[in-house]
C-alpha atoms as a PDB file:
ATOM      1  CA  MET A   1      19.789   1.484 -24.796  1.00  0.00           C
ATOM      2  CA  SER A   2      17.592   0.120 -21.933  1.00  0.00           C
ATOM      3  CA  GLU A   3      14.540   0.646 -24.050  1.00  0.00           C
ATOM      4  CA  GLU A   4      16.009  -1.702 -26.743  1.00  0.00           C
ATOM      5  CA  LEU A   5      17.163  -4.117 -24.144  1.00  0.00           C
ATOM      6  CA  LEU A   6      13.746  -4.528 -22.609  1.00  0.00           C
ATOM      7  CA  THR A   7      12.086  -4.685 -26.072  1.00  0.00           C
ATOM      8  CA  LYS A   8      14.455  -7.246 -27.378  1.00  0.00           C
ATOM      9  CA  THR A   9      14.266  -9.442 -24.307  1.00  0.00           C
ATOM     10  CA  PHE A  10      10.568  -9.315 -24.142  1.00  0.00           C
ATOM     11  CA  THR A  11      10.229 -10.050 -27.865  1.00  0.00           C
ATOM     12  CA  ALA A  12      12.730 -12.913 -27.938  1.00  0.00           C
ATOM     13  CA  MET A  13      11.281 -14.546 -24.791  1.00  0.00           C
ATOM     14  CA  ARG A  14       7.633 -13.873 -25.417  1.00  0.00           C
ATOM     15  CA  ARG A  15       6.611 -17.464 -25.911  1.00  0.00           C
ATOM     16  CA  LYS A  16       8.298 -18.369 -22.522  1.00  0.00           C
ATOM     17  CA  PHE A  17       6.383 -15.432 -20.923  1.00  0.00           C
ATOM     18  CA  LEU A  18       3.091 -16.377 -22.489  1.00  0.00           C
ATOM     19  CA  HIS A  19       3.585 -19.955 -21.253  1.00  0.00           C
ATOM     20  CA  ILE A  20       4.133 -18.836 -17.704  1.00  0.00           C
ATOM     21  CA  ALA A  21       1.004 -16.689 -17.880  1.00  0.00           C
ATOM     22  CA  THR A  22      -1.048 -19.597 -19.340  1.00  0.00           C
ATOM     23  CA  LEU A  23      -0.070 -21.790 -16.376  1.00  0.00           C
ATOM     24  CA  PHE A  24      -1.867 -19.336 -14.115  1.00  0.00           C
ATOM     25  CA  LEU A  25      -4.483 -18.101 -16.638  1.00  0.00           C
ATOM     26  CA  PRO A  26      -5.684 -20.825 -19.083  1.00  0.00           C
ATOM     27  CA  GLN A  27      -7.602 -18.443 -21.271  1.00  0.00           C
ATOM     28  CA  LYS A  28      -5.153 -17.204 -24.022  1.00  0.00           C
ATOM     29  CA  GLU A  29      -6.615 -13.637 -23.969  1.00  0.00           C
ATOM     30  CA  ASP A  30      -6.066 -13.279 -20.263  1.00  0.00           C
ATOM     31  CA  ALA A  31      -2.626 -14.502 -20.615  1.00  0.00           C
ATOM     32  CA  GLU A  32      -1.849 -12.054 -23.384  1.00  0.00           C
ATOM     33  CA  ASP A  33      -3.360  -9.228 -21.333  1.00  0.00           C
ATOM     34  CA  ALA A  34      -1.043 -10.170 -18.457  1.00  0.00           C
ATOM     35  CA  LEU A  35       1.935  -9.921 -20.767  1.00  0.00           C
ATOM     36  CA  GLN A  36       0.855  -6.629 -22.136  1.00  0.00           C
ATOM     37  CA  ASP A  37       0.429  -5.263 -18.554  1.00  0.00           C
ATOM     38  CA  ALA A  38       3.823  -6.608 -17.492  1.00  0.00           C
ATOM     39  CA  PHE A  39       5.626  -4.773 -20.363  1.00  0.00           C
ATOM     40  CA  CYS A  40       3.737  -1.653 -19.552  1.00  0.00           C
ATOM     41  CA  ARG A  41       4.629  -1.873 -16.007  1.00  0.00           C
ATOM     42  CA  LEU A  42       8.279  -2.461 -16.715  1.00  0.00           C
ATOM     43  CA  TRP A  43       8.478   0.306 -19.316  1.00  0.00           C
ATOM     44  CA  SER A  44       8.439   2.965 -16.762  1.00  0.00           C
ATOM     45  CA  ARG A  45      11.480   1.203 -14.987  1.00  0.00           C
ATOM     46  CA  ARG A  46      13.327   0.458 -18.302  1.00  0.00           C
ATOM     47  CA  GLN A  47      16.127   2.957 -17.246  1.00  0.00           C
ATOM     48  CA  GLY A  48      17.179   0.682 -14.339  1.00  0.00           C
ATOM     49  CA  ILE A  49      17.583  -2.557 -16.555  1.00  0.00           C
ATOM     50  CA  ASN A  50      21.099  -3.261 -17.272  1.00  0.00           C
ATOM     51  CA  SER A  51      21.231  -6.688 -18.635  1.00  0.00           C
ATOM     52  CA  PRO A  52      19.056  -9.258 -20.599  1.00  0.00           C
ATOM     53  CA  SER A  53      19.082 -11.606 -17.694  1.00  0.00           C
ATOM     54  CA  GLU A  54      17.915  -8.816 -15.291  1.00  0.00           C
ATOM     55  CA  ALA A  55      15.118  -8.072 -18.013  1.00  0.00           C
ATOM     56  CA  GLU A  56      14.128 -11.570 -18.113  1.00  0.00           C
ATOM     57  CA  ALA A  57      13.974 -11.963 -14.429  1.00  0.00           C
ATOM     58  CA  LEU A  58      11.932  -8.745 -14.175  1.00  0.00           C
ATOM     59  CA  VAL A  59       9.471  -9.767 -16.734  1.00  0.00           C
ATOM     60  CA  THR A  60       9.126 -13.298 -15.363  1.00  0.00           C
ATOM     61  CA  THR A  61       8.367 -11.924 -11.945  1.00  0.00           C
ATOM     62  CA  THR A  62       6.002  -9.187 -13.025  1.00  0.00           C
ATOM     63  CA  VAL A  63       4.032 -11.609 -15.242  1.00  0.00           C
ATOM     64  CA  LYS A  64       3.696 -14.000 -12.302  1.00  0.00           C
ATOM     65  CA  ASN A  65       2.487 -11.269 -10.071  1.00  0.00           C
ATOM     66  CA  ILE A  66       0.083  -9.895 -12.613  1.00  0.00           C
ATOM     67  CA  CYS A  67      -1.491 -13.306 -13.124  1.00  0.00           C
ATOM     68  CA  ILE A  68      -1.681 -13.971  -9.247  1.00  0.00           C
ATOM     69  CA  ASP A  69      -3.335 -10.564  -8.865  1.00  0.00           C
ATOM     70  CA  LYS A  70      -5.882 -11.473 -11.559  1.00  0.00           C
ATOM     71  CA  LEU A  71      -6.608 -14.732 -10.029  1.00  0.00           C
ATOM     72  CA  ARG A  72      -7.192 -13.151  -6.681  1.00  0.00           C
ATOM     73  CA  LYS A  73      -9.564 -10.429  -8.239  1.00  0.00           C
ATOM     74  CA  LYS A  74     -11.497 -13.228  -9.972  1.00  0.00           C
ATOM     75  CA  LYS A  75     -11.641 -15.263  -6.772  1.00  0.00           C
ATOM     76  CA  LEU A  76     -13.087 -12.201  -4.969  1.00  0.00           C
ATOM     77  CA  ASP A  77     -15.542 -11.540  -7.707  1.00  0.00           C
ATOM     78  CA  THR A  78     -16.708 -15.250  -7.758  1.00  0.00           C
ATOM     79  CA  ILE A  79     -19.226 -16.330  -5.287  1.00  0.00           C
ATOM     80  CA  GLN A  80     -18.311 -19.907  -4.267  1.00  0.00           C
ATOM     81  CA  ILE A  81     -21.168 -22.387  -4.116  1.00  0.00           C
ATOM     82  CA  ASP A  82     -21.002 -25.077  -1.376  1.00  0.00           C
ATOM     83  CA  GLU A  83     -22.689 -28.144  -2.919  1.00  0.00           C
ATOM     84  CA  GLU A  84     -23.927 -29.231   0.671  1.00  0.00           C
ATOM     85  CA  ARG A  85     -25.327 -25.717   1.485  1.00  0.00           C
ATOM     86  CA  ASP A  86     -29.048 -25.262   1.008  1.00  0.00           C
ATOM     87  CA  ASP A  87     -30.615 -22.139  -0.363  1.00  0.00           C
ATOM     88  CA  THR A  88     -31.972 -21.137   3.044  1.00  0.00           C
ATOM     89  CA  ALA A  89     -28.358 -20.535   4.206  1.00  0.00           C
ATOM     90  CA  ALA A  90     -27.876 -17.751   1.586  1.00  0.00           C
ATOM     91  CA  PRO A  91     -27.771 -14.319   3.086  1.00  0.00           C
ATOM     92  CA  ASP A  92     -30.712 -12.174   2.167  1.00  0.00           C
ATOM     93  CA  ASN A  93     -30.379  -8.432   1.311  1.00  0.00           C
ATOM     94  CA  GLU A  94     -30.835  -7.240   4.796  1.00  0.00           C
ATOM     95  CA  ASP A  95     -28.109  -9.643   6.111  1.00  0.00           C
ATOM     96  CA  ARG A  96     -25.783  -8.709   3.243  1.00  0.00           C
ATOM     97  CA  GLU A  97     -26.305  -4.996   3.849  1.00  0.00           C
ATOM     98  CA  GLU A  98     -25.598  -5.541   7.602  1.00  0.00           C
ATOM     99  CA  LEU A  99     -22.379  -7.353   6.766  1.00  0.00           C
ATOM    100  CA  LEU A 100     -21.318  -4.551   4.400  1.00  0.00           C
ATOM    101  CA  GLN A 101     -21.971  -1.984   7.113  1.00  0.00           C
ATOM    102  CA  GLU A 102     -20.021  -3.899   9.546  1.00  0.00           C
ATOM    103  CA  ILE A 103     -17.063  -4.191   7.257  1.00  0.00           C
ATOM    104  CA  GLU A 104     -17.246  -0.456   6.406  1.00  0.00           C
ATOM    105  CA  SER A 105     -17.241   0.224  10.045  1.00  0.00           C
ATOM    106  CA  ILE A 106     -14.000  -1.755  10.551  1.00  0.00           C
ATOM    107  CA  ILE A 107     -12.297   0.119   7.652  1.00  0.00           C
ATOM    108  CA  ASN A 108     -13.338   3.363   9.080  1.00  0.00           C
ATOM    109  CA  ARG A 109     -12.153   2.667  12.688  1.00  0.00           C
ATOM    110  CA  GLU A 110      -9.180   0.378  12.157  1.00  0.00           C
ATOM    111  CA  LEU A 111      -7.251   1.185   8.916  1.00  0.00           C
ATOM    112  CA  THR A 112      -5.073   4.205   8.520  1.00  0.00           C
ATOM    113  CA  PRO A 113      -6.227   7.090   6.310  1.00  0.00           C
ATOM    114  CA  GLN A 114      -4.002   6.079   3.564  1.00  0.00           C
ATOM    115  CA  GLN A 115      -5.292   2.285   3.703  1.00  0.00           C
ATOM    116  CA  GLN A 116      -8.846   3.716   3.658  1.00  0.00           C
ATOM    117  CA  LYS A 117      -8.173   5.753   0.429  1.00  0.00           C
ATOM    118  CA  ILE A 118      -6.606   2.888  -1.290  1.00  0.00           C
ATOM    119  CA  ILE A 119      -9.294   0.440  -0.306  1.00  0.00           C
ATOM    120  CA  ALA A 120     -11.965   3.015  -1.505  1.00  0.00           C
ATOM    121  CA  ALA A 121     -10.244   3.680  -4.824  1.00  0.00           C
ATOM    122  CA  ARG A 122      -9.555  -0.134  -5.510  1.00  0.00           C
ATOM    123  CA  GLU A 123     -12.992  -1.572  -4.208  1.00  0.00           C
ATOM    124  CA  TYR A 124     -15.544   1.129  -4.725  1.00  0.00           C
ATOM    125  CA  ASP A 125     -14.069   3.299  -7.599  1.00  0.00           C
ATOM    126  CA  ASN A 126     -12.569   0.125  -9.351  1.00  0.00           C
ATOM    127  CA  LYS A 127      -9.257   1.990  -9.944  1.00  0.00           C
ATOM    128  CA  SER A 128      -6.253  -0.055 -10.944  1.00  0.00           C
ATOM    129  CA  ILE A 129      -3.158  -0.296  -8.894  1.00  0.00           C
ATOM    130  CA  GLU A 130      -1.283   2.113 -11.087  1.00  0.00           C
ATOM    131  CA  GLU A 131      -4.025   4.622 -11.165  1.00  0.00           C
ATOM    132  CA  ILE A 132      -3.932   4.605  -7.356  1.00  0.00           C
ATOM    133  CA  ALA A 133      -0.241   4.892  -7.229  1.00  0.00           C
ATOM    134  CA  ALA A 134      -0.326   7.869  -9.571  1.00  0.00           C
ATOM    135  CA  THR A 135      -3.144   9.713  -7.601  1.00  0.00           C
ATOM    136  CA  MET A 136      -1.500   8.980  -4.283  1.00  0.00           C
ATOM    137  CA  ASN A 137       2.118   9.723  -5.321  1.00  0.00           C
ATOM    138  CA  MET A 138       3.099   6.257  -4.406  1.00  0.00           C
ATOM    139  CA  GLN A 139       4.942   3.299  -6.056  1.00  0.00           C
ATOM    140  CA  PRO A 140       2.627   0.569  -7.397  1.00  0.00           C
ATOM    141  CA  THR A 141       4.263  -1.951  -4.987  1.00  0.00           C
ATOM    142  CA  ALA A 142       3.701   0.232  -2.089  1.00  0.00           C
ATOM    143  CA  VAL A 143       0.049   0.498  -2.966  1.00  0.00           C
ATOM    144  CA  ARG A 144      -0.190  -3.330  -3.466  1.00  0.00           C
ATOM    145  CA  MET A 145       1.439  -3.742  -0.033  1.00  0.00           C
ATOM    146  CA  GLN A 146      -0.858  -1.277   1.902  1.00  0.00           C
ATOM    147  CA  LEU A 147      -3.918  -2.850   0.063  1.00  0.00           C
ATOM    148  CA  SER A 148      -2.860  -6.291   1.082  1.00  0.00           C
ATOM    149  CA  ARG A 149      -2.126  -5.222   4.797  1.00  0.00           C
ATOM    150  CA  ALA A 150      -5.536  -3.436   4.844  1.00  0.00           C
ATOM    151  CA  ARG A 151      -7.545  -6.496   3.519  1.00  0.00           C
ATOM    152  CA  LYS A 152      -5.541  -8.822   5.999  1.00  0.00           C
ATOM    153  CA  LYS A 153      -6.545  -6.504   8.927  1.00  0.00           C
ATOM    154  CA  VAL A 154     -10.163  -6.236   8.046  1.00  0.00           C
ATOM    155  CA  ARG A 155     -10.339 -10.080   7.758  1.00  0.00           C
ATOM    156  CA  GLU A 156      -8.691 -10.724  11.010  1.00  0.00           C
ATOM    157  CA  ILE A 157     -10.827  -8.209  12.892  1.00  0.00           C
ATOM    158  CA  TYR A 158     -13.917  -9.572  11.175  1.00  0.00           C
ATOM    159  CA  LYS A 159     -13.058 -13.122  12.093  1.00  0.00           C
ATOM    160  CA  GLN A 160     -12.316 -12.140  15.712  1.00  0.00           C
ATOM    161  CA  ARG A 161     -15.887 -10.714  15.941  1.00  0.00           C
ATOM    162  CA  GLU A 162     -17.283 -13.786  14.616  1.00  0.00           C
ATOM    163  CA  LEU A 163     -15.944 -15.973  17.374  1.00  0.00           C
END
């Protein structure tokens, strides 16, 4: 019954969900990928969905969260260019290597072993949240939370060193 409920709700409201996704991700392919990801994530939780309104709320929230995750990842992957900055301010390979070593040092000294494993799997091994969750026997939301906390801690410590 819950499989049918999720499928019917998702199918009936697909346009609405796609519209929500395109508000975040203007490229239609990215928005459709977000919808597919949302459906797959919720499929494993389908037994706990008891009503169409609950299914709608879960899909809406999941689509938004996936879109935000994609935007964050895209932002991290993009080097922002400051128009007023000259090319001499760009870090050379040696400076970049020094920066990476400093960040790795912060990760190794300041984060919990669990956070270190999550950061390594996500940033170095390029694993998805779901893959990390399965490997570490955790819920995907717990992985996201730990990843967020770890990144925040690294940023805060790095900023303190810069002052």
